[in-house]
Protein backbone atom coordinates (compact mmCIF):
# COMPACT_ATOMS: atom_id res chain seq x y z
CA THR A 1 0.00 0.00 0.00
CA ILE A 2 1.09 3.59 -0.48
CA ILE A 3 -0.49 4.89 2.70
CA GLY A 4 0.46 2.38 5.40
CA ARG A 5 3.55 1.18 7.19
CA SER A 6 4.64 -0.99 4.28
CA SER A 7 5.10 2.17 2.21
CA GLU A 8 7.23 3.73 4.91
CA ARG A 9 9.30 0.55 5.11
CA LEU A 10 9.65 0.51 1.33
CA LEU A 11 10.81 4.13 1.32
CA ASP A 12 13.29 3.33 4.11
CA LYS A 13 14.64 0.39 2.07
CA ILE A 14 14.96 2.57 -1.02
CA ILE A 15 16.83 5.24 0.93
CA GLU A 16 19.07 2.60 2.54
CA HIS A 17 19.88 1.15 -0.90
CA LEU A 18 20.62 4.58 -2.40
CA VAL A 19 22.94 5.51 0.45
CA LYS A 20 24.75 2.17 0.48
CA ASN A 21 25.29 2.11 -3.29
CA LYS A 22 25.76 5.86 -3.72
CA GLN A 23 23.06 5.95 -6.37
CA ILE A 24 20.55 8.51 -7.57
CA LEU A 25 16.89 7.57 -8.08
CA ILE A 26 14.87 9.01 -10.93
CA VAL A 27 11.13 8.35 -10.73
CA ALA A 28 9.04 8.79 -13.86
CA LEU A 29 5.24 8.90 -13.59
CA ASP A 30 3.64 8.74 -17.03
CA ASP A 31 -0.03 9.67 -17.45
CA PHE A 32 0.18 11.34 -14.07
CA ASP A 33 -3.15 13.09 -14.58
CA ASN A 34 -4.92 9.71 -14.85
CA LEU A 35 -3.81 8.41 -11.47
CA LYS A 36 -6.91 7.93 -9.35
CA ASN A 37 -5.85 8.03 -5.70
CA ARG A 38 -4.58 11.59 -5.21
CA GLY A 39 -4.16 11.26 -1.43
CA SER A 40 -1.86 8.26 -1.68
CA LEU A 41 0.01 9.79 -4.56
CA ASN A 42 0.63 13.01 -2.64
CA LYS A 43 1.94 11.01 0.34
CA LEU A 44 4.26 9.05 -1.94
CA LEU A 45 5.58 12.21 -3.62
CA TYR A 46 6.00 13.89 -0.25
CA GLY A 47 8.08 10.97 1.03
CA LEU A 48 10.25 10.81 -2.09
CA LEU A 49 10.85 14.54 -2.25
CA ARG A 50 11.77 14.77 1.44
CA ALA A 51 14.00 11.69 1.49
CA HIS A 52 17.11 13.89 1.57
CA GLU A 53 16.04 14.99 5.05
CA ILE A 54 16.32 11.39 6.25
CA ALA A 55 19.69 10.82 4.61
CA GLU A 56 21.65 13.86 3.45
CA THR A 57 23.32 12.15 0.50
CA VAL A 58 20.11 10.81 -1.03
CA GLN A 59 19.15 12.33 -4.36
CA ILE A 60 15.74 11.57 -5.80
CA SER A 61 14.29 13.29 -8.84
CA VAL A 62 10.67 12.93 -9.86
CA PHE A 63 9.20 13.87 -13.20
CA THR A 64 5.70 13.49 -14.45
CA VAL A 65 4.10 13.36 -17.86
CA SER A 66 0.66 14.89 -17.99
CA ASN A 67 -1.85 16.20 -20.48
CA ARG A 68 -3.01 18.87 -18.04
CA GLY A 69 -1.33 21.84 -16.44
CA ASN A 70 -3.01 21.34 -13.06
CA LEU A 71 -1.71 18.13 -11.49
CA LEU A 72 -3.87 18.34 -8.35
CA ILE A 73 -0.85 18.15 -6.07
CA ASP A 74 -1.26 19.20 -2.45
CA PRO A 75 0.28 22.62 -1.68
CA ASP A 76 2.88 21.13 0.70
CA VAL A 77 4.04 18.77 -2.06
CA GLU A 78 3.88 21.46 -4.75
CA THR A 79 6.39 23.65 -2.86
CA MET A 80 8.98 20.84 -2.98
CA PHE A 81 8.14 19.62 -6.46
CA ASN A 82 9.55 22.66 -8.30
CA ARG A 83 8.07 21.54 -11.57
CA ILE A 84 9.15 23.01 -14.85
CA PRO A 85 6.54 22.47 -17.57
CA ILE A 86 7.72 21.29 -20.96
CA PHE A 87 5.05 21.33 -23.63
CA PHE A 88 5.03 18.82 -26.47
CA SER A 89 3.20 19.45 -29.71
CA GLN A 90 0.43 17.11 -30.72
CA TYR A 91 1.36 14.36 -33.15
CA THR A 92 0.60 15.05 -36.78
CA GLU A 93 -1.76 12.71 -38.61
CA SER A 94 1.23 11.28 -40.45
CA GLN A 95 3.08 10.61 -37.18
CA MET A 96 -0.01 8.93 -35.75
CA TYR A 97 -0.26 6.75 -38.83
CA GLY A 98 3.41 5.77 -38.47
CA ILE A 99 2.95 4.86 -34.80
CA LEU A 100 -0.19 2.84 -35.50
CA LYS A 101 1.42 1.13 -38.49
CA LYS A 102 4.38 0.03 -36.30
CA ARG A 103 2.01 -1.19 -33.57
CA CYS A 104 0.15 -3.23 -36.17
CA GLN A 105 3.40 -4.73 -37.47
CA TYR A 106 4.41 -5.73 -33.94
CA GLY A 107 0.97 -6.81 -32.75
CA PHE A 108 -0.66 -8.54 -35.70
CA TYR A 109 0.26 -11.12 -38.27
CA PRO A 110 0.92 -9.75 -41.78
CA ASN A 111 -2.19 -8.75 -43.75
CA VAL A 112 -4.52 -8.83 -40.73
CA ILE A 113 -5.31 -5.14 -41.17
CA SER A 114 -5.30 -3.08 -44.35
CA ASP A 115 -3.22 0.02 -44.77
CA GLU A 116 -6.43 1.89 -45.65
CA LEU A 117 -7.93 0.98 -42.29
CA ILE A 118 -4.79 2.09 -40.44
CA HIS A 119 -5.03 5.45 -42.27
CA PHE A 120 -8.72 5.69 -41.31
CA ILE A 121 -7.89 5.04 -37.64
CA ALA A 122 -5.00 7.53 -37.75
CA LYS A 123 -7.26 10.23 -39.21
CA ASN A 124 -9.87 9.67 -36.50
CA ALA A 125 -7.18 9.69 -33.81
CA TYR A 126 -5.80 12.94 -35.17
CA ASP A 127 -9.25 14.53 -35.38
CA ASP A 128 -10.01 13.46 -31.79
CA GLY A 129 -6.48 14.21 -30.55
CA ASP A 130 -6.30 10.83 -28.82
CA LEU A 131 -3.75 8.29 -30.02
CA ARG A 132 -4.23 6.08 -26.96
CA TYR A 133 -7.87 5.53 -27.84
CA ALA A 134 -6.81 4.46 -31.34
CA ILE A 135 -4.32 1.96 -29.90
CA ARG A 136 -6.97 0.51 -27.56
CA SER A 137 -9.38 0.36 -30.47
CA LEU A 138 -6.85 -1.60 -32.55
CA SER A 139 -6.32 -4.02 -29.69
CA ARG A 140 -10.04 -4.64 -29.24
CA ALA A 141 -10.55 -4.95 -33.01
CA GLY A 142 -7.83 -7.59 -33.08
CA GLU A 143 -9.61 -9.49 -30.32
CA GLU A 144 -12.91 -9.22 -32.24
CA ALA A 145 -11.28 -10.59 -35.40
CA GLU A 146 -9.77 -13.43 -33.38
CA ASN A 147 -13.10 -14.23 -31.71
CA ALA A 148 -14.87 -14.16 -35.07
CA GLY A 149 -12.19 -16.44 -36.52
CA THR A 150 -11.85 -14.19 -39.56
CA GLY A 151 -8.15 -13.41 -39.34
CA LYS A 152 -8.92 -9.92 -40.65
CA ILE A 153 -9.69 -6.66 -38.89
CA ILE A 154 -12.58 -4.82 -40.50
CA LYS A 155 -14.08 -1.41 -39.76
CA ASP A 156 -17.03 -3.04 -37.95
CA TYR A 157 -14.63 -4.31 -35.27
CA LEU A 158 -13.43 -0.83 -34.35
CA LEU A 159 -14.82 1.00 -31.32
């Protein structure tokens, strides 16, 4: 758990390991804005960011990836977090197509999905601004094709 004693023990073990091995810890939290339990997350961040107070030589850096500017971090955590926003541009439709095409090459047998359908999905993802939804849709469409025993993904299988 993040809240209870086991979390404190885990943090103590992490700090002990970092001190003993003279290492630096970098924590990356992707899709930070989708994490559900804010209270637990704030306690975890607070512990990580204050670890240097327990052991002077400990160095822990935390970075988050988020689609929102407001991360809903408690004020006492925010003061230690010292975040520096870096903004990434949205993928182009062509980039989305390339990503989806690669995912299809890795995830499906050859000729399971047509290039036209990948372009269609990429265009919809671009229009909606949501590549993750397109990837989930491909995954589910692959499952539908498998369940149907067709060996081909068709537009009807998409979400």
